[in-house]
Amino acid sequence: MDWISIAVGRLTMVLIAGMVLVMTYEIVLRYVFESSTLWATELSLWMAGFVFLFSGLYSMQQRAHIRIFVLYDLMPRSVQRICDLISTVLIVAFAIAIVWGGFNEARDKLLRWETFGTAFDPPIPATLKPLVLVIICLVAVQAVMNLICDWSKDKEFHNPADDLED
């Protein structure tokens, strides 16, 4: 599972670079040549949606999600494991709820190939709605994999100075 998350992370980096290029192109056309495009803003929005979703999976794999280390580090390792188990169960339950509640709408948007309804008319709803369900399932699987991998690790201590930039 880790290699999927890492590959998605690399794709996210490429998408960010592509998004910057599209926005730069639009800015140059608009302000230098006074001729804007019909597609650049919506393409950037579409790419940003993919980046947002993909970065969540990559963050879960990198264990970069929010954890309150001030409290977590005070707990004995056995209680930390219980907290890890509870959080993983909640992530999986959330993923099940999202898929349960969003499956029909995502399926309908995909099958109708619903578009954004603008001049460029990209299929943002048709692609992003189903992708939300896929990514949330992958996040849940990654959370379970993290729990399995971290279960036998020794207790770690976190220093707030570790988060500071050099």
N, C-alpha and C. Protein backbone atom coordinates (compact mmCIF):
# COMPACT_ATOMS: atom_id res chain seq x y z
N MET A 1 0.82 -1.19 0.00
CA MET A 1 0.00 0.00 0.00
C MET A 1 0.87 1.26 0.00
N ASP A 2 2.01 1.19 0.67
CA ASP A 2 2.87 2.37 0.75
C ASP A 2 3.30 2.85 -0.63
N TRP A 3 3.62 1.93 -1.53
CA TRP A 3 4.10 2.36 -2.84
C TRP A 3 2.99 3.06 -3.62
N ILE A 4 1.73 2.67 -3.41
CA ILE A 4 0.61 3.37 -4.07
C ILE A 4 0.54 4.80 -3.55
N SER A 5 0.62 4.95 -2.22
CA SER A 5 0.54 6.28 -1.61
C SER A 5 1.72 7.16 -2.04
N ILE A 6 2.89 6.58 -2.11
CA ILE A 6 4.06 7.35 -2.54
C ILE A 6 3.93 7.75 -4.01
N ALA A 7 3.44 6.83 -4.85
CA ALA A 7 3.24 7.16 -6.26
C ALA A 7 2.20 8.27 -6.41
N VAL A 8 1.14 8.21 -5.62
CA VAL A 8 0.13 9.27 -5.63
C VAL A 8 0.75 10.59 -5.18
N GLY A 9 1.63 10.54 -4.18
CA GLY A 9 2.33 11.74 -3.73
C GLY A 9 3.19 12.34 -4.83
N ARG A 10 3.86 11.51 -5.59
CA ARG A 10 4.69 12.00 -6.70
C ARG A 10 3.81 12.62 -7.80
N LEU A 11 2.68 11.97 -8.07
CA LEU A 11 1.74 12.51 -9.05
C LEU A 11 1.22 13.87 -8.59
N THR A 12 0.98 14.00 -7.30
CA THR A 12 0.51 15.27 -6.74
C THR A 12 1.54 16.37 -6.98
N MET A 13 2.81 16.05 -6.80
CA MET A 13 3.86 17.04 -7.04
C MET A 13 3.85 17.50 -8.50
N VAL A 14 3.65 16.57 -9.42
CA VAL A 14 3.60 16.91 -10.84
C VAL A 14 2.37 17.77 -11.13
N LEU A 15 1.24 17.42 -10.51
CA LEU A 15 0.03 18.20 -10.71
C LEU A 15 0.19 19.63 -10.20
N ILE A 16 0.88 19.79 -9.08
CA ILE A 16 1.11 21.14 -8.56
C ILE A 16 1.94 21.94 -9.55
N ALA A 17 2.98 21.33 -10.09
CA ALA A 17 3.80 22.01 -11.09
C ALA A 17 2.97 22.35 -12.34
N GLY A 18 2.14 21.43 -12.77
CA GLY A 18 1.27 21.69 -13.91
C GLY A 18 0.29 22.81 -13.64
N MET A 19 -0.24 22.83 -12.44
CA MET A 19 -1.18 23.88 -12.06
C MET A 19 -0.49 25.26 -12.09
N VAL A 20 0.73 25.31 -11.60
CA VAL A 20 1.50 26.57 -11.64
C VAL A 20 1.73 27.01 -13.08
N LEU A 21 2.06 26.07 -13.95
CA LEU A 21 2.26 26.41 -15.36
C LEU A 21 0.99 26.95 -16.01
N VAL A 22 -0.14 26.30 -15.73
CA VAL A 22 -1.41 26.76 -16.30
C VAL A 22 -1.74 28.15 -15.79
N MET A 23 -1.56 28.39 -14.49
CA MET A 23 -1.86 29.71 -13.94
C MET A 23 -0.91 30.78 -14.48
N THR A 24 0.35 30.42 -14.63
CA THR A 24 1.32 31.36 -15.19
C THR A 24 0.96 31.71 -16.63
N TYR A 25 0.59 30.72 -17.40
CA TYR A 25 0.16 30.93 -18.78
C TYR A 25 -1.02 31.90 -18.83
N GLU A 26 -2.00 31.66 -17.97
CA GLU A 26 -3.19 32.52 -17.91
C GLU A 26 -2.82 33.95 -17.53
N ILE A 27 -1.95 34.10 -16.55
CA ILE A 27 -1.54 35.43 -16.09
C ILE A 27 -0.81 36.19 -17.20
N VAL A 28 0.09 35.51 -17.88
CA VAL A 28 0.82 36.16 -18.99
C VAL A 28 -0.15 36.58 -20.09
N LEU A 29 -1.04 35.67 -20.47
CA LEU A 29 -2.00 36.02 -21.52
C LEU A 29 -2.90 37.18 -21.10
N ARG A 30 -3.37 37.14 -19.86
CA ARG A 30 -4.32 38.16 -19.41
C ARG A 30 -3.67 39.53 -19.25
N TYR A 31 -2.52 39.58 -18.60
CA TYR A 31 -1.94 40.88 -18.25
C TYR A 31 -0.89 41.40 -19.25
N VAL A 32 -0.31 40.53 -20.02
CA VAL A 32 0.68 40.99 -21.00
C VAL A 32 0.01 41.18 -22.37
N PHE A 33 -0.80 40.19 -22.77
CA PHE A 33 -1.42 40.23 -24.10
C PHE A 33 -2.89 40.64 -24.07
N GLU A 34 -3.44 40.87 -22.87
CA GLU A 34 -4.84 41.25 -22.68
C GLU A 34 -5.80 40.31 -23.42
N SER A 35 -5.51 39.03 -23.31
CA SER A 35 -6.34 38.01 -23.98
C SER A 35 -6.39 36.77 -23.08
N SER A 36 -7.40 36.70 -22.23
CA SER A 36 -7.47 35.57 -21.31
C SER A 36 -8.05 34.33 -21.99
N THR A 37 -7.91 33.21 -21.33
CA THR A 37 -8.41 31.94 -21.86
C THR A 37 -9.75 31.61 -21.21
N LEU A 38 -10.47 30.70 -21.82
CA LEU A 38 -11.72 30.20 -21.24
C LEU A 38 -11.48 28.99 -20.34
N TRP A 39 -10.34 28.40 -20.44
CA TRP A 39 -10.13 27.10 -19.81
C TRP A 39 -9.16 27.09 -18.64
N ALA A 40 -8.30 28.07 -18.50
CA ALA A 40 -7.21 27.99 -17.51
C ALA A 40 -7.71 27.98 -16.07
N THR A 41 -8.67 28.81 -15.75
CA THR A 41 -9.16 28.86 -14.37
C THR A 41 -9.81 27.55 -13.97
N GLU A 42 -10.65 27.02 -14.84
CA GLU A 42 -11.33 25.76 -14.52
C GLU A 42 -10.37 24.57 -14.50
N LEU A 43 -9.40 24.57 -15.38
CA LEU A 43 -8.40 23.51 -15.36
C LEU A 43 -7.60 23.57 -14.06
N SER A 44 -7.25 24.77 -13.62
CA SER A 44 -6.54 24.92 -12.35
C SER A 44 -7.40 24.42 -11.18
N LEU A 45 -8.69 24.76 -11.21
CA LEU A 45 -9.61 24.29 -10.18
C LEU A 45 -9.72 22.77 -10.17
N TRP A 46 -9.81 22.19 -11.32
CA TRP A 46 -9.90 20.74 -11.48
C TRP A 46 -8.63 20.07 -10.94
N MET A 47 -7.49 20.60 -11.33
CA MET A 47 -6.22 20.05 -10.86
C MET A 47 -6.07 20.23 -9.34
N ALA A 48 -6.54 21.35 -8.82
CA ALA A 48 -6.47 21.59 -7.37
C ALA A 48 -7.32 20.58 -6.61
N GLY A 49 -8.44 20.18 -7.18
CA GLY A 49 -9.26 19.14 -6.55
C GLY A 49 -8.52 17.82 -6.45
N PHE A 50 -7.83 17.45 -7.52
CA PHE A 50 -7.02 16.23 -7.50
C PHE A 50 -5.89 16.35 -6.47
N VAL A 51 -5.23 17.50 -6.45
CA VAL A 51 -4.13 17.72 -5.50
C VAL A 51 -4.62 17.59 -4.07
N PHE A 52 -5.75 18.19 -3.77
CA PHE A 52 -6.32 18.14 -2.43
C PHE A 52 -6.58 16.69 -2.01
N LEU A 53 -7.21 15.93 -2.87
CA LEU A 53 -7.54 14.54 -2.53
C LEU A 53 -6.28 13.68 -2.42
N PHE A 54 -5.39 13.80 -3.39
CA PHE A 54 -4.18 12.98 -3.39
C PHE A 54 -3.29 13.30 -2.20
N SER A 55 -3.23 14.56 -1.81
CA SER A 55 -2.35 14.94 -0.69
C SER A 55 -2.82 14.34 0.62
N GLY A 56 -4.12 14.11 0.76
CA GLY A 56 -4.62 13.46 1.97
C GLY A 56 -4.10 12.04 2.11
N LEU A 57 -4.07 11.31 1.02
CA LEU A 57 -3.55 9.94 1.05
C LEU A 57 -2.06 9.95 1.35
N TYR A 58 -1.33 10.84 0.69
CA TYR A 58 0.11 10.92 0.92
C TYR A 58 0.42 11.33 2.36
N SER A 59 -0.36 12.26 2.91
CA SER A 59 -0.17 12.68 4.30
C SER A 59 -0.40 11.52 5.27
N MET A 60 -1.39 10.69 4.98
CA MET A 60 -1.64 9.53 5.84
C MET A 60 -0.46 8.56 5.78
N GLN A 61 0.08 8.34 4.60
CA GLN A 61 1.21 7.42 4.47
C GLN A 61 2.44 7.95 5.19
N GLN A 62 2.65 9.26 5.13
CA GLN A 62 3.81 9.89 5.76
C GLN A 62 3.59 10.13 7.26
N ARG A 63 2.39 9.81 7.73
CA ARG A 63 2.01 10.05 9.13
C ARG A 63 2.14 11.54 9.48
N ALA A 64 1.75 12.36 8.54
CA ALA A 64 1.84 13.82 8.71
C ALA A 64 0.50 14.40 9.16
N HIS A 65 -0.44 13.54 9.51
CA HIS A 65 -1.73 14.02 9.98
C HIS A 65 -1.61 14.57 11.40
N ILE A 66 -2.65 15.20 11.85
CA ILE A 66 -2.61 15.87 13.15
C ILE A 66 -2.69 14.84 14.28
N ARG A 67 -1.77 14.95 15.20
CA ARG A 67 -1.79 14.14 16.42
C ARG A 67 -1.31 15.05 17.54
N ILE A 68 -1.98 14.99 18.66
CA ILE A 68 -1.63 15.85 19.78
C ILE A 68 -0.54 15.14 20.60
N PHE A 69 0.71 15.41 20.23
CA PHE A 69 1.83 14.71 20.84
C PHE A 69 2.02 15.07 22.31
N VAL A 70 1.56 16.25 22.72
CA VAL A 70 1.72 16.64 24.12
C VAL A 70 1.03 15.62 25.02
N LEU A 71 -0.14 15.18 24.63
CA LEU A 71 -0.87 14.17 25.41
C LEU A 71 -0.41 12.76 25.06
N TYR A 72 -0.22 12.51 23.80
CA TYR A 72 0.13 11.18 23.31
C TYR A 72 1.45 10.69 23.93
N ASP A 73 2.44 11.56 24.01
CA ASP A 73 3.74 11.17 24.56
C ASP A 73 3.69 10.89 26.06
N LEU A 74 2.71 11.43 26.75
CA LEU A 74 2.57 11.18 28.19
C LEU A 74 2.01 9.79 28.49
N MET A 75 1.37 9.19 27.52
CA MET A 75 0.72 7.90 27.72
C MET A 75 1.72 6.76 27.64
N PRO A 76 1.47 5.69 28.41
CA PRO A 76 2.29 4.48 28.21
C PRO A 76 2.00 3.88 26.83
N ARG A 77 2.92 3.07 26.33
CA ARG A 77 2.80 2.52 24.98
C ARG A 77 1.51 1.73 24.80
N SER A 78 1.07 1.03 25.83
CA SER A 78 -0.17 0.24 25.71
C SER A 78 -1.38 1.16 25.49
N VAL A 79 -1.42 2.29 26.15
CA VAL A 79 -2.52 3.24 25.95
C VAL A 79 -2.39 3.92 24.59
N GLN A 80 -1.17 4.18 24.16
CA GLN A 80 -0.96 4.74 22.81
C GLN A 80 -1.52 3.79 21.76
N ARG A 81 -1.30 2.49 21.95
CA ARG A 81 -1.82 1.50 21.00
C ARG A 81 -3.35 1.53 20.97
N ILE A 82 -3.96 1.68 22.13
CA ILE A 82 -5.42 1.77 22.19
C ILE A 82 -5.90 3.02 21.46
N CYS A 83 -5.22 4.14 21.67
CA CYS A 83 -5.58 5.39 20.95
C CYS A 83 -5.41 5.21 19.45
N ASP A 84 -4.33 4.57 19.05
CA ASP A 84 -4.10 4.31 17.62
C ASP A 84 -5.21 3.43 17.04
N LEU A 85 -5.60 2.43 17.79
CA LEU A 85 -6.66 1.52 17.35
C LEU A 85 -7.99 2.27 17.23
N ILE A 86 -8.31 3.09 18.22
CA ILE A 86 -9.56 3.86 18.19
C ILE A 86 -9.57 4.81 17.00
N SER A 87 -8.46 5.51 16.78
CA SER A 87 -8.42 6.46 15.66
C SER A 87 -8.54 5.74 14.32
N THR A 88 -7.93 4.57 14.21
CA THR A 88 -8.03 3.81 12.96
C THR A 88 -9.45 3.31 12.73
N VAL A 89 -10.09 2.84 13.79
CA VAL A 89 -11.48 2.39 13.68
C VAL A 89 -12.37 3.56 13.26
N LEU A 90 -12.13 4.74 13.81
CA LEU A 90 -12.92 5.92 13.44
C LEU A 90 -12.68 6.33 11.99
N ILE A 91 -11.44 6.22 11.53
CA ILE A 91 -11.14 6.54 10.13
C ILE A 91 -11.85 5.56 9.19
N VAL A 92 -11.81 4.28 9.53
CA VAL A 92 -12.48 3.28 8.71
C VAL A 92 -14.00 3.49 8.73
N ALA A 93 -14.56 3.79 9.90
CA ALA A 93 -16.00 4.05 10.00
C ALA A 93 -16.39 5.28 9.18
N PHE A 94 -15.55 6.32 9.23
CA PHE A 94 -15.81 7.52 8.43
C PHE A 94 -15.78 7.19 6.95
N ALA A 95 -14.81 6.39 6.53
CA ALA A 95 -14.72 6.01 5.11
C ALA A 95 -15.95 5.22 4.68
N ILE A 96 -16.39 4.31 5.52
CA ILE A 96 -17.60 3.53 5.21
C ILE A 96 -18.80 4.46 5.08
N ALA A 97 -18.93 5.42 6.00
CA ALA A 97 -20.05 6.35 5.96
C ALA A 97 -20.03 7.22 4.70
N ILE A 98 -18.84 7.68 4.32
CA ILE A 98 -18.71 8.51 3.12
C ILE A 98 -19.08 7.70 1.87
N VAL A 99 -18.58 6.49 1.78
CA VAL A 99 -18.90 5.64 0.62
C VAL A 99 -20.39 5.30 0.61
N TRP A 100 -20.92 4.96 1.76
CA TRP A 100 -22.34 4.62 1.88
C TRP A 100 -23.22 5.79 1.45
N GLY A 101 -22.89 6.98 1.91
CA GLY A 101 -23.70 8.15 1.61
C GLY A 101 -23.45 8.76 0.25
N GLY A 102 -22.29 8.57 -0.31
CA GLY A 102 -21.96 9.24 -1.56
C GLY A 102 -21.90 8.37 -2.79
N PHE A 103 -22.07 7.07 -2.62
CA PHE A 103 -21.89 6.16 -3.76
C PHE A 103 -22.88 6.45 -4.89
N ASN A 104 -24.18 6.57 -4.57
CA ASN A 104 -25.18 6.75 -5.62
C ASN A 104 -24.95 8.05 -6.39
N GLU A 105 -24.67 9.13 -5.68
CA GLU A 105 -24.43 10.41 -6.34
C GLU A 105 -23.17 10.35 -7.21
N ALA A 106 -22.11 9.76 -6.69
CA ALA A 106 -20.87 9.65 -7.45
C ALA A 106 -21.08 8.79 -8.69
N ARG A 107 -21.78 7.69 -8.53
CA ARG A 107 -22.07 6.81 -9.68
C ARG A 107 -22.87 7.55 -10.74
N ASP A 108 -23.91 8.28 -10.29
CA ASP A 108 -24.76 9.00 -11.24
C ASP A 108 -23.98 10.07 -11.99
N LYS A 109 -23.13 10.80 -11.29
CA LYS A 109 -22.34 11.86 -11.94
C LYS A 109 -21.35 11.25 -12.93
N LEU A 110 -20.78 10.12 -12.58
CA LEU A 110 -19.84 9.46 -13.48
C LEU A 110 -20.56 8.92 -14.72
N LEU A 111 -21.68 8.24 -14.52
CA LEU A 111 -22.40 7.64 -15.65
C LEU A 111 -23.00 8.70 -16.57
N ARG A 112 -23.42 9.84 -16.02
CA ARG A 112 -23.94 10.95 -16.85
C ARG A 112 -22.81 11.78 -17.43
N TRP A 113 -21.59 11.55 -16.94
CA TRP A 113 -20.41 12.35 -17.29
C TRP A 113 -20.73 13.83 -17.10
N GLU A 114 -21.19 14.12 -15.85
CA GLU A 114 -21.61 15.47 -15.52
C GLU A 114 -20.44 16.44 -15.63
N THR A 115 -20.70 17.57 -16.26
CA THR A 115 -19.66 18.57 -16.48
C THR A 115 -19.90 19.79 -15.59
N PHE A 116 -19.00 20.73 -15.66
CA PHE A 116 -18.99 21.90 -14.79
C PHE A 116 -20.00 22.96 -15.22
N GLY A 117 -20.44 22.92 -16.45
CA GLY A 117 -21.46 23.84 -16.93
C GLY A 117 -20.95 25.22 -17.30
N THR A 118 -19.72 25.30 -17.75
CA THR A 118 -19.13 26.57 -18.16
C THR A 118 -18.70 26.47 -19.62
N ALA A 119 -18.03 27.52 -20.09
CA ALA A 119 -17.58 27.51 -21.49
C ALA A 119 -16.60 26.38 -21.76
N PHE A 120 -15.64 26.17 -20.86
CA PHE A 120 -14.68 25.07 -21.01
C PHE A 120 -15.35 23.74 -20.73
N ASP A 121 -16.24 23.72 -19.74
CA ASP A 121 -17.09 22.58 -19.40
C ASP A 121 -16.33 21.28 -19.09
N PRO A 122 -15.36 21.33 -18.17
CA PRO A 122 -14.65 20.10 -17.83
C PRO A 122 -15.52 19.19 -16.97
N PRO A 123 -15.27 17.90 -17.00
CA PRO A 123 -16.08 16.96 -16.21
C PRO A 123 -15.62 16.88 -14.75
N ILE A 124 -15.59 18.02 -14.09
CA ILE A 124 -15.12 18.06 -12.70
C ILE A 124 -16.00 17.20 -11.79
N PRO A 125 -17.33 17.34 -11.80
CA PRO A 125 -18.14 16.48 -10.93
C PRO A 125 -18.03 14.99 -11.27
N ALA A 126 -17.94 14.69 -12.56
CA ALA A 126 -17.88 13.28 -12.99
C ALA A 126 -16.59 12.61 -12.57
N THR A 127 -15.54 13.38 -12.38
CA THR A 127 -14.26 12.78 -12.00
C THR A 127 -13.97 12.90 -10.51
N LEU A 128 -14.27 14.05 -9.93
CA LEU A 128 -13.90 14.26 -8.52
C LEU A 128 -14.82 13.56 -7.53
N LYS A 129 -16.11 13.49 -7.82
CA LYS A 129 -17.03 12.81 -6.89
C LYS A 129 -16.66 11.34 -6.70
N PRO A 130 -16.46 10.57 -7.78
CA PRO A 130 -16.03 9.18 -7.57
C PRO A 130 -14.63 9.09 -6.96
N LEU A 131 -13.76 10.03 -7.32
CA LEU A 131 -12.40 10.00 -6.78
C LEU A 131 -12.39 10.21 -5.27
N VAL A 132 -13.31 11.01 -4.76
CA VAL A 132 -13.41 11.19 -3.30
C VAL A 132 -13.62 9.84 -2.63
N LEU A 133 -14.49 9.03 -3.19
CA LEU A 133 -14.78 7.71 -2.60
C LEU A 133 -13.58 6.78 -2.70
N VAL A 134 -12.91 6.80 -3.83
CA VAL A 134 -11.73 5.95 -4.01
C VAL A 134 -10.63 6.35 -3.04
N ILE A 135 -10.35 7.64 -2.96
CA ILE A 135 -9.27 8.12 -2.09
C ILE A 135 -9.59 7.88 -0.63
N ILE A 136 -10.83 8.09 -0.21
CA ILE A 136 -11.15 7.87 1.20
C ILE A 136 -11.00 6.40 1.56
N CYS A 137 -11.30 5.51 0.63
CA CYS A 137 -11.06 4.08 0.88
C CYS A 137 -9.57 3.79 0.99
N LEU A 138 -8.78 4.39 0.11
CA LEU A 138 -7.33 4.20 0.17
C LEU A 138 -6.74 4.79 1.46
N VAL A 139 -7.28 5.92 1.91
CA VAL A 139 -6.83 6.51 3.18
C VAL A 139 -7.13 5.55 4.32
N ALA A 140 -8.31 4.93 4.31
CA ALA A 140 -8.66 3.98 5.36
C ALA A 140 -7.74 2.76 5.33
N VAL A 141 -7.46 2.25 4.14
CA VAL A 141 -6.54 1.11 4.02
C VAL A 141 -5.15 1.51 4.51
N GLN A 142 -4.70 2.70 4.14
CA GLN A 142 -3.39 3.18 4.58
C GLN A 142 -3.35 3.33 6.09
N ALA A 143 -4.44 3.79 6.70
CA ALA A 143 -4.50 3.92 8.16
C ALA A 143 -4.37 2.55 8.83
N VAL A 144 -5.04 1.56 8.27
CA VAL A 144 -4.93 0.19 8.81
C VAL A 144 -3.50 -0.32 8.65
N MET A 145 -2.90 -0.07 7.49
CA MET A 145 -1.52 -0.50 7.27
C MET A 145 -0.56 0.19 8.24
N ASN A 146 -0.78 1.48 8.47
CA ASN A 146 0.05 2.20 9.44
C ASN A 146 -0.09 1.59 10.83
N LEU A 147 -1.31 1.25 11.21
CA LEU A 147 -1.54 0.64 12.52
C LEU A 147 -0.79 -0.69 12.62
N ILE A 148 -0.87 -1.50 11.59
CA ILE A 148 -0.18 -2.80 11.59
C ILE A 148 1.33 -2.60 11.68
N CYS A 149 1.86 -1.67 10.88
CA CYS A 149 3.31 -1.44 10.86
C CYS A 149 3.81 -0.84 12.17
N ASP A 150 3.02 0.02 12.78
CA ASP A 150 3.46 0.73 13.99
C ASP A 150 3.15 -0.01 15.28
N TRP A 151 2.38 -1.08 15.21
CA TRP A 151 1.91 -1.76 16.42
C TRP A 151 3.06 -2.24 17.30
N SER A 152 4.09 -2.79 16.70
CA SER A 152 5.17 -3.37 17.49
C SER A 152 6.33 -2.41 17.73
N LYS A 153 6.20 -1.17 17.29
CA LYS A 153 7.27 -0.19 17.51
C LYS A 153 7.36 0.20 18.97
N ASP A 154 8.57 0.57 19.37
CA ASP A 154 8.77 1.08 20.72
C ASP A 154 8.19 2.48 20.83
N LYS A 155 8.04 2.91 22.07
CA LYS A 155 7.52 4.25 22.33
C LYS A 155 8.47 5.30 21.77
N GLU A 156 7.91 6.29 21.09
CA GLU A 156 8.69 7.38 20.53
C GLU A 156 8.34 8.66 21.29
N PHE A 157 9.31 9.54 21.39
CA PHE A 157 9.07 10.84 22.00
C PHE A 157 9.25 11.91 20.93
N HIS A 158 8.40 12.91 20.96
CA HIS A 158 8.42 13.96 19.96
C HIS A 158 8.80 15.27 20.61
N ASN A 159 9.70 15.96 19.97
CA ASN A 159 10.16 17.24 20.46
C ASN A 159 9.55 18.33 19.58
N PRO A 160 8.90 19.34 20.19
CA PRO A 160 8.32 20.41 19.37
C PRO A 160 9.35 21.09 18.46
N ALA A 161 10.60 21.07 18.86
CA ALA A 161 11.65 21.68 18.03
C ALA A 161 11.86 20.92 16.72
N ASP A 162 11.43 19.65 16.68
CA ASP A 162 11.56 18.87 15.45
C ASP A 162 10.73 19.46 14.30
N ASP A 163 9.65 20.19 14.65
CA ASP A 163 8.77 20.75 13.65
C ASP A 163 9.22 22.10 13.13
N LEU A 164 10.24 22.68 13.76
CA LEU A 164 10.72 24.00 13.34
C LEU A 164 11.59 23.88 12.11
N GLU A 165 11.48 24.86 11.25
CA GLU A 165 12.33 24.91 10.05
C GLU A 165 13.72 25.32 10.46
N ASP A 166 14.72 24.78 9.79
CA ASP A 166 16.11 25.17 10.06
C ASP A 166 16.46 26.44 9.35
